[in-house]
Protein backbone atom coordinates (compact mmCIF):
# COMPACT_ATOMS: atom_id res chain seq x y z
CA MET A 1 0.20 40.83 6.92
CA LYS A 2 2.88 43.06 8.07
CA TYR A 3 1.66 46.33 10.16
CA ASP A 4 2.10 49.03 8.87
CA ALA A 5 4.36 51.79 11.24
CA ILE A 6 6.19 53.64 8.57
CA TYR A 7 5.40 57.04 9.70
CA ARG A 8 5.57 56.39 13.43
CA ASP A 9 9.06 56.19 14.46
CA ALA A 10 10.62 58.63 11.80
CA ILE A 11 10.25 61.82 10.00
CA HIS A 12 9.95 61.51 6.59
CA ASP A 13 11.21 64.33 4.15
CA GLN A 14 10.77 63.03 1.01
CA GLY A 15 6.89 62.61 -0.89
CA PHE A 16 5.32 59.26 -0.37
CA THR A 17 6.42 56.72 -3.21
CA PHE A 18 5.75 53.07 -3.31
CA ASP A 19 9.15 51.30 -2.13
CA ASP A 20 9.87 48.66 -0.51
CA LYS A 21 9.03 49.65 2.62
CA VAL A 22 5.67 50.85 1.70
CA ALA A 23 5.27 47.55 -0.85
CA SER A 24 6.09 45.06 2.66
CA VAL A 25 3.25 47.16 4.68
CA PHE A 26 0.38 47.81 1.73
CA ALA A 27 -2.12 45.05 2.50
CA ASP A 28 -2.22 46.41 6.12
CA MET A 29 -1.73 50.27 4.76
CA ILE A 30 -4.65 50.37 2.53
CA GLY A 31 -6.81 47.93 4.37
CA ARG A 32 -6.80 50.86 7.48
CA SER A 33 -6.67 53.62 5.34
CA VAL A 34 -9.04 53.58 2.44
CA PRO A 35 -13.02 53.43 3.83
CA GLY A 36 -14.72 50.54 1.79
CA TYR A 37 -11.13 49.16 -0.04
CA ALA A 38 -12.47 45.46 0.98
CA GLN A 39 -16.06 46.39 -0.61
CA THR A 40 -14.68 48.04 -4.05
CA LEU A 41 -12.81 44.54 -4.45
CA GLN A 42 -16.20 42.54 -3.39
CA MET A 43 -17.42 44.30 -6.49
CA VAL A 44 -14.38 43.82 -8.96
CA GLU A 45 -15.59 40.15 -8.21
CA LEU A 46 -19.20 40.55 -8.82
CA LEU A 47 -18.50 42.60 -11.94
CA ALA A 48 -16.15 40.62 -13.42
CA HIS A 49 -18.69 38.06 -13.15
CA GLN A 50 -20.97 40.16 -14.70
CA TYR A 51 -19.19 41.44 -17.80
CA ALA A 52 -16.07 39.60 -18.39
CA GLN A 53 -16.52 38.42 -21.73
CA PRO A 54 -14.92 34.67 -22.95
CA GLU A 55 -11.70 35.30 -24.89
CA SER A 56 -11.10 38.93 -23.60
CA ASN A 57 -8.58 40.99 -21.30
CA LEU A 58 -9.32 41.75 -17.49
CA PHE A 59 -6.68 44.39 -16.58
CA ASP A 60 -6.05 45.83 -13.31
CA LEU A 61 -4.04 49.17 -13.95
CA GLY A 62 -1.76 49.99 -11.08
CA CYS A 63 -2.37 46.42 -9.80
CA SER A 64 0.26 47.22 -6.17
CA LEU A 65 -0.15 43.77 -4.56
CA GLY A 66 -2.40 42.06 -6.85
CA ALA A 67 -5.83 42.00 -4.90
CA ALA A 68 -8.11 43.66 -7.67
CA THR A 69 -5.96 41.47 -10.14
CA MET A 70 -7.49 37.85 -8.35
CA ALA A 71 -10.87 39.38 -7.85
CA LEU A 72 -10.92 39.49 -12.05
CA SER A 73 -9.64 36.11 -11.67
CA ARG A 74 -11.97 34.85 -9.54
CA GLY A 75 -14.69 36.40 -11.39
CA SER A 76 -13.95 35.73 -14.85
CA SER A 77 -13.36 31.90 -14.00
CA GLY A 78 -14.38 29.15 -16.57
CA ARG A 79 -14.26 31.93 -19.66
CA ASN A 80 -11.08 31.63 -20.61
CA CYS A 81 -9.94 35.08 -19.62
CA ARG A 82 -6.55 36.72 -19.65
CA VAL A 83 -5.83 38.29 -16.22
CA ILE A 84 -3.08 41.26 -16.22
CA GLY A 85 -2.06 43.16 -13.44
CA VAL A 86 0.37 46.03 -14.53
CA ASP A 87 2.58 48.35 -11.93
CA ASN A 88 5.30 50.66 -12.15
CA SER A 89 6.77 49.61 -8.88
CA PRO A 90 9.40 47.48 -9.17
CA ALA A 91 9.16 46.52 -5.27
CA MET A 92 5.40 45.93 -5.52
CA VAL A 93 5.56 44.15 -8.76
CA SER A 94 8.35 41.43 -6.83
CA ARG A 95 6.15 41.31 -4.14
CA CYS A 96 2.85 40.76 -5.92
CA ARG A 97 4.50 37.93 -8.45
CA GLU A 98 5.69 36.13 -5.32
CA MET A 99 2.03 36.30 -3.74
CA LEU A 100 0.56 35.16 -6.51
CA SER A 101 3.18 32.95 -8.07
CA ASN A 102 0.64 29.98 -8.16
CA GLU A 103 -2.31 31.99 -10.07
CA ALA A 104 -2.80 31.91 -13.43
CA VAL A 105 -2.27 35.64 -13.60
CA GLU A 106 0.40 37.90 -15.61
CA ILE A 107 2.02 40.09 -14.04
CA ARG A 108 3.89 43.03 -15.63
CA CYS A 109 6.30 46.07 -14.29
CA GLN A 110 5.65 48.75 -16.65
CA ASP A 111 4.05 52.12 -16.55
CA ILE A 112 0.31 52.11 -17.09
CA ILE A 113 0.63 55.08 -19.36
CA ASP A 114 2.45 52.84 -21.97
CA THR A 115 0.50 49.29 -21.42
CA ASP A 116 -1.52 48.43 -24.61
CA ILE A 117 -4.84 47.89 -23.89
CA GLU A 118 -6.84 45.69 -26.15
CA ASN A 119 -9.68 43.00 -26.64
CA ALA A 120 -10.45 44.18 -22.61
CA SER A 121 -13.84 43.47 -21.20
CA VAL A 122 -13.07 45.07 -17.87
CA VAL A 123 -10.60 47.03 -16.90
CA VAL A 124 -10.11 48.22 -12.91
CA LEU A 125 -8.11 51.59 -11.78
CA ASN A 126 -8.43 50.88 -8.03
CA PHE A 127 -7.12 54.17 -6.20
CA VAL A 128 -4.80 54.84 -8.99
CA LEU A 129 -5.46 57.70 -11.20
CA GLN A 130 -5.12 59.59 -7.95
CA PHE A 131 -1.42 59.23 -8.67
CA ILE A 132 -1.05 59.62 -12.45
CA ASP A 133 -0.36 63.44 -13.66
CA LEU A 134 -3.74 65.54 -14.17
CA GLN A 135 -2.22 66.41 -17.96
CA GLN A 136 -2.41 62.43 -18.53
CA ARG A 137 -5.43 61.24 -17.04
CA GLU A 138 -7.75 61.80 -20.01
CA HIS A 139 -5.10 60.48 -22.42
CA LEU A 140 -5.36 57.42 -20.14
CA LEU A 141 -8.85 56.96 -20.09
CA HIS A 142 -9.57 57.45 -23.46
CA ARG A 143 -7.17 54.77 -24.27
CA VAL A 144 -8.75 52.44 -21.50
CA TYR A 145 -11.99 53.18 -23.60
CA GLN A 146 -10.63 52.61 -27.03
CA GLY A 147 -9.49 49.32 -26.11
CA LEU A 148 -12.68 47.96 -24.37
CA ARG A 149 -15.21 45.43 -26.57
CA PRO A 150 -18.36 47.23 -26.53
CA GLY A 151 -20.14 46.24 -23.52
CA GLY A 152 -17.30 46.25 -21.51
CA ILE A 153 -16.87 48.38 -18.32
CA LEU A 154 -13.98 50.48 -16.60
CA VAL A 155 -14.19 50.23 -12.77
CA LEU A 156 -12.43 53.54 -11.77
CA SER A 157 -12.39 54.11 -7.38
CA GLU A 158 -10.52 57.30 -6.10
CA LYS A 159 -9.91 59.30 -3.31
CA VAL A 160 -12.27 62.42 -3.95
CA CYS A 161 -12.70 66.26 -2.93
CA PHE A 162 -15.25 68.50 -2.88
CA ALA A 163 -16.06 71.93 -4.17
CA ASP A 164 -17.58 73.44 -1.46
CA ALA A 165 -14.46 73.66 1.32
CA ALA A 166 -16.28 73.37 4.17
CA GLU A 167 -18.04 70.04 2.93
CA ASN A 168 -14.52 68.89 1.94
CA GLY A 169 -13.04 69.93 5.34
CA ARG A 170 -15.69 67.92 6.91
CA GLN A 171 -14.94 64.82 5.00
CA ILE A 172 -11.04 64.95 5.24
CA ALA A 173 -12.24 65.33 8.97
CA LEU A 174 -14.31 62.09 8.76
CA HIS A 175 -11.59 60.16 6.95
CA GLU A 176 -8.81 60.94 9.46
CA ASP A 177 -11.12 60.05 12.16
CA PHE A 178 -11.16 56.63 10.37
CA LYS A 179 -7.68 56.16 10.32
CA ARG A 180 -7.27 57.06 13.78
CA ALA A 181 -9.88 54.47 14.88
CA HIS A 182 -8.11 52.16 12.63
CA GLY A 183 -4.69 52.31 14.94
CA TYR A 184 -2.92 55.12 13.45
CA SER A 185 -1.64 57.73 15.93
CA GLU A 186 -1.89 62.16 15.35
CA MET A 187 1.53 62.10 14.16
CA GLU A 188 1.09 58.87 11.93
CA VAL A 189 -1.60 61.08 10.47
CA SER A 190 -0.21 64.44 10.01
CA ARG A 191 3.25 62.69 8.55
CA LYS A 192 1.19 60.70 5.93
CA ARG A 193 -0.77 63.49 5.19
CA THR A 194 2.61 65.95 4.29
CA ALA A 195 4.30 62.80 2.83
CA LEU A 196 1.25 62.57 0.32
CA GLU A 197 1.07 66.23 -1.13
CA ASN A 198 1.51 66.93 -4.48
CA VAL A 199 1.77 63.59 -4.75
CA LEU A 200 -1.76 62.27 -4.65
CA ILE A 201 -3.99 65.00 -6.12
CA PRO A 202 -7.51 63.97 -5.66
CA GLU A 203 -10.47 65.69 -7.82
CA THR A 204 -14.12 66.04 -7.34
CA LEU A 205 -17.01 63.30 -8.58
CA SER A 206 -17.70 65.68 -11.14
CA ALA A 207 -14.64 66.03 -12.71
CA HIS A 208 -14.44 62.43 -13.00
CA HIS A 209 -17.54 61.86 -14.85
CA GLN A 210 -17.02 64.41 -17.27
CA ARG A 211 -13.80 63.23 -17.95
CA LEU A 212 -15.49 59.90 -18.46
CA ASN A 213 -17.69 61.54 -20.91
CA SER A 214 -14.98 63.17 -22.92
CA ALA A 215 -13.20 60.03 -23.11
CA GLY A 216 -16.31 58.31 -24.45
CA PHE A 217 -17.73 56.48 -21.97
CA ALA A 218 -21.77 56.28 -22.65
CA THR A 219 -22.59 55.77 -19.15
CA ALA A 220 -21.28 56.25 -15.76
CA SER A 221 -22.83 55.47 -12.46
CA THR A 222 -21.24 56.30 -8.91
CA TRP A 223 -21.87 52.87 -7.17
CA PHE A 224 -20.08 53.63 -3.74
CA GLN A 225 -18.89 56.40 -1.65
CA CYS A 226 -17.67 56.44 1.90
CA PHE A 227 -16.06 60.15 3.26
CA ASN A 228 -13.82 60.64 0.33
CA PHE A 229 -13.77 57.72 -1.56
CA ALA A 230 -15.59 56.88 -4.65
CA SER A 231 -15.92 54.15 -7.03
CA ILE A 232 -17.59 54.42 -10.31
CA ILE A 233 -18.54 52.34 -13.13
CA ALA A 234 -18.31 53.45 -16.82
CA TRP A 235 -19.97 51.26 -19.71
CA LYS A 236 -18.53 51.49 -23.28
């Protein structure tokens, strides 16, 4: 695993993008930047074991290097499911295909907004919706809902914000302390924060639950939260 030092040696004037540099260190970056990331992957595997229906499709939308894709594959083993990872970054898809070349999964280079969701029993959006235009988020979730079989689930993990400004500030501070504790310098934290402005747009948990309800999901439950990161399970 290559160590993430992208924001250590040079100032990046452009916003954050999932380019070759990011793809090359992404596994280290997300593990050191997202509290509870490993737990979300464990839950994806557990939920696939519980909810993957035989002969159905399982989607990892915004699959990056395929960690959740493989969790879906492991969890649904023996049920003849089709596991599909989708990402619009050519750099991510290229590395993902290389890393999973011996695995029975399909990796598509495609915008998830254009992905046909059909015959699905489990769909995962693992820290992805936050990068989608706000105006397109409900449309995407509605399409996911429409493409799920009855009894199917969506796993939605996101960085979140808080309506109370003081609480929001506390949670941001805790998250940045988490990154410092995992080896990022003050300058790296600051540069990464600047790079993500207007690229990653978080919302409150309440906004996510309201949108899931509007998209048609009968029930949604927040199963995990650590600082300003959370994960929701939504049932059709």
